[in-house]
């Protein structure tokens, strides 16, 4: 990492959410991003990219801490339109058409058939796509003066990570993908109950109990069924609600995914070592989505976790962190070995 560039404004303070991380407000040329960093600043960097409508705190503190203990510098951040990062309130105001279940089911059906939604010129315009969000990440790395790093993305964050690895290969040392998809046409759609829960209209903001119950119901539907802790889920839902409640961002994230379409062409030109991890019980994106990525990326391997859903429950943190630590660490062992042989 280098010193901060004068092009970007960065302010730091202690994190309210993890005593081993610091919080930053980072202003890039277009947007402001909330960022948290932990670990030795000189250590190899792991950039965590979270999924659709999910704040950065959905990366569990214990998961981040294990990566840091393993010798990495860990960065998590709120994507645009969520958490404490910039909201695009001035961009293509959402209409009721976007938010009806029938309309969203129609859009998902088109998407799964390989029909991408246009960003502009459509009856229902899409504000942005995942290529725009990958550019956000690229600009964030510029602002933080990080030349290259390991990238770990979950769900929609994994899709952004795939774009970043293909379009900015010099920045991505290796790739970790969790519970995600390359959105190849005709891959299985989410379970109808999961899709309905995901697209169900959010209760009014002032009805805190209804909002929390809505969030918990979603987490239970898509999560690891055998390991769901309702009390813990309610605590996390309340924390995220009080931190920043912005449901329009979730809808726009969903539209961004559908406006982007298949990433198979990006996969074909992704040559970084890639670990694809998927849960056997993922009802939102079945394991076939992860297998499709592993098949499409030349240097990818696939790991199936029995009993894991579309979440990171505490019981799976040692296994998940261990897999990604081993994957990212192996890159540095290979690099060190190659350097040693060259000097020899």
Protein backbone atom coordinates (compact mmCIF):
# COMPACT_ATOMS: atom_id res chain seq x y z
CA UNK A 1 0.00 0.00 0.00
CA UNK A 2 1.05 3.59 -0.61
CA UNK A 3 0.37 6.88 1.08
CA UNK A 4 -2.95 8.58 0.51
CA UNK A 5 -3.38 10.39 -2.80
CA UNK A 6 -4.39 14.06 -2.61
CA UNK A 7 -7.17 13.31 -5.13
CA UNK A 8 -9.20 11.55 -2.47
CA UNK A 9 -10.47 12.67 0.90
CA UNK A 10 -10.28 10.16 3.76
CA UNK A 11 -11.28 10.67 7.40
CA UNK A 12 -10.77 8.01 10.08
CA UNK A 13 -12.12 7.20 13.54
CA UNK A 14 -12.55 4.11 15.74
CA UNK A 15 -15.25 1.70 14.56
CA UNK A 16 -18.42 1.51 16.63
CA UNK A 17 -18.97 -2.07 15.49
CA UNK A 18 -15.61 -3.84 15.93
CA UNK A 19 -12.95 -2.77 18.43
CA UNK A 20 -10.20 -4.29 16.25
CA UNK A 21 -11.08 -2.18 13.19
CA UNK A 22 -11.06 1.51 12.29
CA UNK A 23 -13.84 3.26 10.37
CA UNK A 24 -13.23 5.54 7.40
CA UNK A 25 -15.26 7.88 5.27
CA UNK A 26 -13.68 7.72 1.84
CA UNK A 27 -14.64 10.22 -0.84
CA UNK A 28 -13.91 9.03 -4.39
CA UNK A 29 -14.46 11.21 -7.50
CA UNK A 30 -18.16 10.23 -7.57
CA UNK A 31 -19.32 8.90 -4.20
CA UNK A 32 -18.58 8.58 -0.49
CA UNK A 33 -18.05 5.13 0.99
CA UNK A 34 -18.09 3.85 4.56
CA UNK A 35 -15.08 1.58 5.04
CA UNK A 36 -13.70 -0.46 7.94
CA UNK A 37 -10.11 -1.74 8.10
CA UNK A 38 -8.32 -4.02 10.54
CA UNK A 39 -4.97 -5.71 10.89
CA UNK A 40 -1.38 -4.80 10.05
CA UNK A 41 -1.48 -2.12 7.31
CA UNK A 42 1.63 -3.71 5.75
CA UNK A 43 0.03 -7.18 5.55
CA UNK A 44 -1.54 -8.60 2.37
CA UNK A 45 -5.01 -7.11 1.87
CA UNK A 46 -8.30 -9.01 1.65
CA UNK A 47 -11.11 -6.85 0.29
CA UNK A 48 -14.57 -8.10 1.30
CA UNK A 49 -17.51 -7.23 -1.00
CA UNK A 50 -20.98 -7.89 0.41
CA UNK A 51 -24.18 -8.78 -1.42
CA UNK A 52 -27.55 -7.43 -2.43
CA UNK A 53 -29.00 -4.93 0.03
CA UNK A 54 -26.55 -6.06 2.71
CA UNK A 55 -24.48 -3.69 4.79
CA UNK A 56 -20.80 -4.38 5.34
CA UNK A 57 -21.51 -5.57 8.89
CA UNK A 58 -23.14 -8.69 7.42
CA UNK A 59 -19.52 -9.89 7.22
CA UNK A 60 -19.38 -11.26 10.79
CA UNK A 61 -16.82 -9.70 13.13
CA UNK A 62 -15.54 -13.16 14.08
CA UNK A 63 -14.98 -14.01 10.41
CA UNK A 64 -13.03 -10.77 9.85
CA UNK A 65 -11.03 -11.35 13.03
CA UNK A 66 -9.92 -14.82 11.93
CA UNK A 67 -8.64 -13.42 8.63
CA UNK A 68 -6.72 -10.75 10.55
CA UNK A 69 -5.30 -13.31 13.00
CA UNK A 70 -4.04 -15.26 9.99
CA UNK A 71 -1.91 -12.30 8.98
CA UNK A 72 -4.10 -10.32 6.58
CA UNK A 73 -5.23 -6.70 6.49
CA UNK A 74 -9.02 -6.86 6.10
CA UNK A 75 -11.26 -4.26 4.49
CA UNK A 76 -15.07 -4.28 4.39
CA UNK A 77 -17.26 -1.49 3.04
CA UNK A 78 -20.84 -0.48 2.29
CA UNK A 79 -21.69 -0.59 -1.41
CA UNK A 80 -23.41 2.42 -2.97
CA UNK A 81 -27.09 2.78 -2.02
CA UNK A 82 -26.74 0.89 1.27
CA UNK A 83 -25.55 1.43 4.82
CA UNK A 84 -23.57 4.63 5.34
CA UNK A 85 -22.33 5.00 1.75
CA UNK A 86 -23.79 7.39 -0.83
CA UNK A 87 -27.47 7.00 -1.74
CA UNK A 88 -28.56 7.69 -5.31
CA UNK A 89 -31.75 9.51 -4.38
CA UNK A 90 -31.47 11.70 -7.46
CA UNK A 91 -31.12 8.80 -9.90
CA UNK A 92 -34.15 7.37 -11.74
CA UNK A 93 -36.69 7.40 -8.96
CA UNK A 94 -38.22 4.00 -8.35
CA UNK A 95 -41.86 3.51 -9.27
CA UNK A 96 -44.41 1.08 -7.87
CA UNK A 97 -43.85 -0.99 -11.02
CA UNK A 98 -40.40 -1.94 -9.78
CA UNK A 99 -41.69 -3.16 -6.47
CA UNK A 100 -44.63 -5.45 -7.25
CA UNK A 101 -43.98 -9.18 -6.88
CA UNK A 102 -45.49 -9.97 -10.31
CA UNK A 103 -43.27 -7.39 -12.02
CA UNK A 104 -40.15 -8.62 -10.23
CA UNK A 105 -41.03 -12.25 -11.02
CA UNK A 106 -41.39 -11.23 -14.68
CA UNK A 107 -38.02 -9.48 -14.60
CA UNK A 108 -36.34 -12.48 -12.95
CA UNK A 109 -37.85 -14.81 -15.56
CA UNK A 110 -36.46 -12.68 -18.40
CA UNK A 111 -33.12 -12.53 -16.65
CA UNK A 112 -32.89 -16.31 -16.26
CA UNK A 113 -33.65 -16.74 -19.96
CA UNK A 114 -30.66 -14.54 -20.73
CA UNK A 115 -32.63 -11.38 -21.57
CA UNK A 116 -30.75 -8.50 -19.92
CA UNK A 117 -32.63 -5.46 -18.72
CA UNK A 118 -31.47 -2.23 -20.40
CA UNK A 119 -30.15 0.55 -18.21
CA UNK A 120 -31.82 3.24 -20.28
CA UNK A 121 -34.61 3.66 -22.78
CA UNK A 122 -36.84 1.07 -21.14
CA UNK A 123 -40.34 1.52 -19.76
CA UNK A 124 -38.79 0.79 -16.36
CA UNK A 125 -35.30 2.37 -16.46
CA UNK A 126 -32.51 0.78 -14.44
CA UNK A 127 -30.36 3.31 -12.52
CA UNK A 128 -27.07 1.35 -12.74
CA UNK A 129 -25.60 -2.12 -13.20
CA UNK A 130 -22.85 -4.21 -11.59
CA UNK A 131 -20.21 -2.83 -13.96
CA UNK A 132 -20.85 0.55 -12.34
CA UNK A 133 -20.50 -1.03 -8.90
CA UNK A 134 -17.25 -2.75 -9.91
CA UNK A 135 -15.97 0.67 -10.97
CA UNK A 136 -16.93 1.93 -7.49
CA UNK A 137 -14.67 -0.75 -6.02
CA UNK A 138 -11.85 0.11 -8.41
CA UNK A 139 -12.08 3.78 -7.39
CA UNK A 140 -12.17 2.80 -3.71
CA UNK A 141 -8.91 0.85 -4.13
CA UNK A 142 -7.44 3.92 -5.82
CA UNK A 143 -8.53 6.09 -2.91
CA UNK A 144 -7.02 3.69 -0.37
CA UNK A 145 -3.84 3.46 -2.48
CA UNK A 146 -4.03 -0.34 -2.72
CA UNK A 147 -2.31 -1.53 -5.88
CA UNK A 148 -3.42 -5.15 -5.57
CA UNK A 149 -5.25 -7.37 -3.11
CA UNK A 150 -7.13 -10.58 -2.62
CA UNK A 151 -10.87 -10.16 -3.21
CA UNK A 152 -13.63 -12.12 -1.50
CA UNK A 153 -17.22 -11.49 -2.62
CA UNK A 154 -20.49 -12.96 -1.38
CA UNK A 155 -23.70 -13.22 -3.43
CA UNK A 156 -24.02 -9.99 -5.47
CA UNK A 157 -20.62 -9.03 -4.07
CA UNK A 158 -19.22 -12.16 -5.71
CA UNK A 159 -20.60 -10.98 -9.05
CA UNK A 160 -18.89 -7.61 -8.57
CA UNK A 161 -15.69 -9.48 -7.65
CA UNK A 162 -15.85 -11.51 -10.90
CA UNK A 163 -16.09 -8.30 -12.94
CA UNK A 164 -13.25 -6.69 -10.99
CA UNK A 165 -10.95 -9.70 -11.55
CA UNK A 166 -11.59 -9.73 -15.30
CA UNK A 167 -11.62 -5.98 -15.98
CA UNK A 168 -8.82 -5.01 -13.57
CA UNK A 169 -6.64 -8.15 -13.45
CA UNK A 170 -3.60 -6.25 -12.16
CA UNK A 171 -5.50 -5.36 -8.98
CA UNK A 172 -6.72 -8.83 -8.02
CA UNK A 173 -4.12 -11.33 -6.76
CA UNK A 174 -6.64 -14.08 -6.20
CA UNK A 175 -10.38 -14.48 -6.00
CA UNK A 176 -12.70 -15.93 -3.36
CA UNK A 177 -16.38 -16.40 -4.18
CA UNK A 178 -19.06 -17.37 -1.67
CA UNK A 179 -22.73 -18.17 -2.37
CA UNK A 180 -22.72 -16.43 -5.73
CA UNK A 181 -23.40 -16.94 -9.45
CA UNK A 182 -22.12 -15.98 -12.89
CA UNK A 183 -25.78 -15.61 -13.93
CA UNK A 184 -25.42 -17.91 -16.91
CA UNK A 185 -28.75 -18.28 -18.69
CA UNK A 186 -30.99 -21.16 -17.60
CA UNK A 187 -29.37 -21.73 -14.22
CA UNK A 188 -32.01 -22.67 -11.60
CA UNK A 189 -34.13 -19.83 -10.26
CA UNK A 190 -34.44 -19.27 -6.49
CA UNK A 191 -37.05 -21.24 -4.61
CA UNK A 192 -40.37 -19.44 -5.04
CA UNK A 193 -40.70 -18.97 -1.27
CA UNK A 194 -37.23 -17.38 -1.13
CA UNK A 195 -37.94 -15.11 -4.10
CA UNK A 196 -41.29 -14.05 -2.64
CA UNK A 197 -39.67 -13.29 0.72
CA UNK A 198 -36.85 -11.35 -0.95
CA UNK A 199 -39.24 -9.18 -3.00
CA UNK A 200 -41.95 -8.76 -0.36
CA UNK A 201 -42.62 -5.04 0.25
CA UNK A 202 -40.87 -3.67 3.31
CA UNK A 203 -43.15 -2.43 6.13
CA UNK A 204 -43.24 1.31 6.91
CA UNK A 205 -39.97 2.60 8.34
CA UNK A 206 -41.58 3.80 11.58
CA UNK A 207 -42.94 0.33 12.39
CA UNK A 208 -39.69 -0.97 13.86
CA UNK A 209 -41.09 -4.30 15.04
CA UNK A 210 -42.60 -5.05 11.63
CA UNK A 211 -39.34 -4.19 9.85
CA UNK A 212 -37.30 -6.40 12.20
CA UNK A 213 -39.75 -9.29 11.80
CA UNK A 214 -39.62 -8.88 8.03
CA UNK A 215 -35.80 -9.03 8.06
CA UNK A 216 -35.70 -12.04 10.39
CA UNK A 217 -38.19 -13.91 8.20
CA UNK A 218 -35.95 -13.32 5.17
CA UNK A 219 -32.82 -14.43 7.02
CA UNK A 220 -34.60 -17.58 8.17
CA UNK A 221 -35.88 -18.37 4.66
CA UNK A 222 -32.51 -18.10 2.89
CA UNK A 223 -30.20 -19.06 5.76
CA UNK A 224 -28.79 -22.31 7.07
CA UNK A 225 -31.96 -23.97 8.35
CA UNK A 226 -30.34 -26.30 10.88
CA UNK A 227 -28.26 -23.51 12.42
CA UNK A 228 -30.64 -20.55 12.44
CA UNK A 229 -30.51 -18.56 15.68
CA UNK A 230 -33.59 -16.32 15.80
CA UNK A 231 -32.44 -14.32 18.82
CA UNK A 232 -29.10 -13.53 17.21
CA UNK A 233 -30.84 -12.71 13.91
CA UNK A 234 -33.13 -10.22 15.66
CA UNK A 235 -30.16 -8.53 17.34
CA UNK A 236 -28.35 -8.18 14.02
CA UNK A 237 -31.49 -6.96 12.23
CA UNK A 238 -32.03 -4.27 14.88
CA UNK A 239 -28.38 -3.17 14.67
CA UNK A 240 -28.60 -2.81 10.89
CA UNK A 241 -31.96 -1.01 11.10
CA UNK A 242 -30.64 1.52 13.61
CA UNK A 243 -27.42 1.99 11.66
CA UNK A 244 -29.12 2.86 8.36
CA UNK A 245 -32.47 1.69 6.96
CA UNK A 246 -32.76 2.19 3.20
CA UNK A 247 -34.88 -0.46 1.39
CA UNK A 248 -34.82 1.35 -1.98
CA UNK A 249 -31.16 0.45 -2.21
CA UNK A 250 -32.05 -3.25 -2.03
CA UNK A 251 -34.48 -2.90 -4.93
CA UNK A 252 -31.93 -1.02 -7.01
CA UNK A 253 -29.29 -3.67 -6.27
CA UNK A 254 -31.67 -6.37 -7.54
CA UNK A 255 -32.30 -4.38 -10.71
CA UNK A 256 -28.53 -3.86 -11.13
CA UNK A 257 -27.97 -7.63 -11.10
CA UNK A 258 -30.63 -8.15 -13.75
CA UNK A 259 -29.30 -5.28 -15.88
CA UNK A 260 -25.87 -6.93 -15.91
CA UNK A 261 -26.67 -10.45 -17.06
CA UNK A 262 -24.27 -13.32 -17.64
CA UNK A 263 -20.64 -13.03 -16.56
CA UNK A 264 -19.41 -16.09 -18.47
CA UNK A 265 -17.35 -13.97 -20.88
CA UNK A 266 -15.67 -12.34 -17.89
CA UNK A 267 -15.01 -15.77 -16.38
CA UNK A 268 -13.27 -16.91 -19.56
CA UNK A 269 -10.66 -14.16 -19.16
CA UNK A 270 -10.19 -14.57 -15.41
CA UNK A 271 -6.84 -16.23 -14.72
CA UNK A 272 -6.37 -15.54 -11.03
CA UNK A 273 -6.48 -18.58 -8.72
CA UNK A 274 -10.12 -18.78 -7.63
CA UNK A 275 -11.87 -20.61 -4.80
CA UNK A 276 -15.65 -20.99 -5.19
CA UNK A 277 -17.49 -21.99 -1.99
CA UNK A 278 -21.19 -22.81 -1.91
CA UNK A 279 -23.65 -24.23 0.62
CA UNK A 280 -25.65 -27.36 -0.08
CA UNK A 281 -28.75 -25.72 1.47
CA UNK A 282 -28.65 -22.39 -0.40
CA UNK A 283 -32.27 -21.79 -1.44
CA UNK A 284 -31.56 -18.48 -3.17
CA UNK A 285 -28.72 -19.64 -5.42
CA UNK A 286 -28.46 -23.43 -5.64
CA UNK A 287 -24.99 -25.07 -5.68
CA UNK A 288 -25.22 -25.40 -9.48
CA UNK A 289 -24.55 -21.64 -9.64
CA UNK A 290 -21.22 -22.06 -7.87
CA UNK A 291 -20.31 -25.08 -9.99
CA UNK A 292 -21.04 -23.05 -13.15
CA UNK A 293 -18.50 -20.42 -12.05
CA UNK A 294 -15.86 -23.02 -11.19
CA UNK A 295 -16.31 -24.61 -14.60
CA UNK A 296 -16.08 -21.26 -16.43
CA UNK A 297 -12.97 -19.84 -14.68
CA UNK A 298 -9.76 -21.57 -15.82
CA UNK A 299 -7.98 -21.69 -12.43
CA UNK A 300 -10.98 -22.30 -10.16
CA UNK A 301 -11.85 -25.04 -7.72
CA UNK A 302 -15.20 -25.70 -6.06
CA UNK A 303 -15.94 -26.55 -2.41
CA UNK A 304 -19.41 -27.59 -1.23
CA UNK A 305 -20.27 -27.01 2.45
CA UNK A 306 -22.94 -29.39 3.71
CA UNK A 307 -25.75 -27.65 5.59
CA UNK A 308 -24.72 -24.11 4.67
CA UNK A 309 -27.39 -21.77 3.31
CA UNK A 310 -27.12 -18.23 1.92
CA UNK A 311 -25.49 -16.83 5.06
CA UNK A 312 -22.45 -17.07 7.37
CA UNK A 313 -23.66 -18.58 10.65
CA UNK A 314 -21.22 -18.76 13.57
CA UNK A 315 -20.92 -22.53 13.41
CA UNK A 316 -19.45 -22.35 9.89
CA UNK A 317 -17.03 -19.45 10.49
CA UNK A 318 -14.02 -21.69 11.37
CA UNK A 319 -14.54 -23.82 8.26
CA UNK A 320 -15.23 -20.93 5.89
CA UNK A 321 -12.42 -18.71 7.17
CA UNK A 322 -10.04 -21.68 7.09
CA UNK A 323 -10.80 -22.39 3.44
CA UNK A 324 -10.27 -18.80 2.34
CA UNK A 325 -7.19 -18.29 4.53
CA UNK A 326 -5.58 -21.37 3.00
CA UNK A 327 -6.51 -20.20 -0.50
CA UNK A 328 -5.20 -16.65 -0.10
CA UNK A 329 -2.10 -17.76 1.83
CA UNK A 330 -1.14 -20.24 -0.89
CA UNK A 331 -0.69 -17.35 -3.34
CA UNK A 332 1.99 -15.81 -1.12
CA UNK A 333 3.71 -19.17 -0.58
CA UNK A 334 3.89 -19.67 -4.36
CA UNK A 335 5.16 -16.11 -4.84
CA UNK A 336 7.82 -16.55 -2.14
CA UNK A 337 8.89 -19.90 -3.62
CA UNK A 338 9.17 -18.41 -7.11
CA UNK A 339 11.20 -15.45 -5.80
CA UNK A 340 13.52 -17.81 -3.90
CA UNK A 341 14.06 -20.01 -6.98
CA UNK A 342 14.75 -16.93 -9.14
CA UNK A 343 17.37 -15.64 -6.68
CA UNK A 344 18.89 -19.11 -6.43
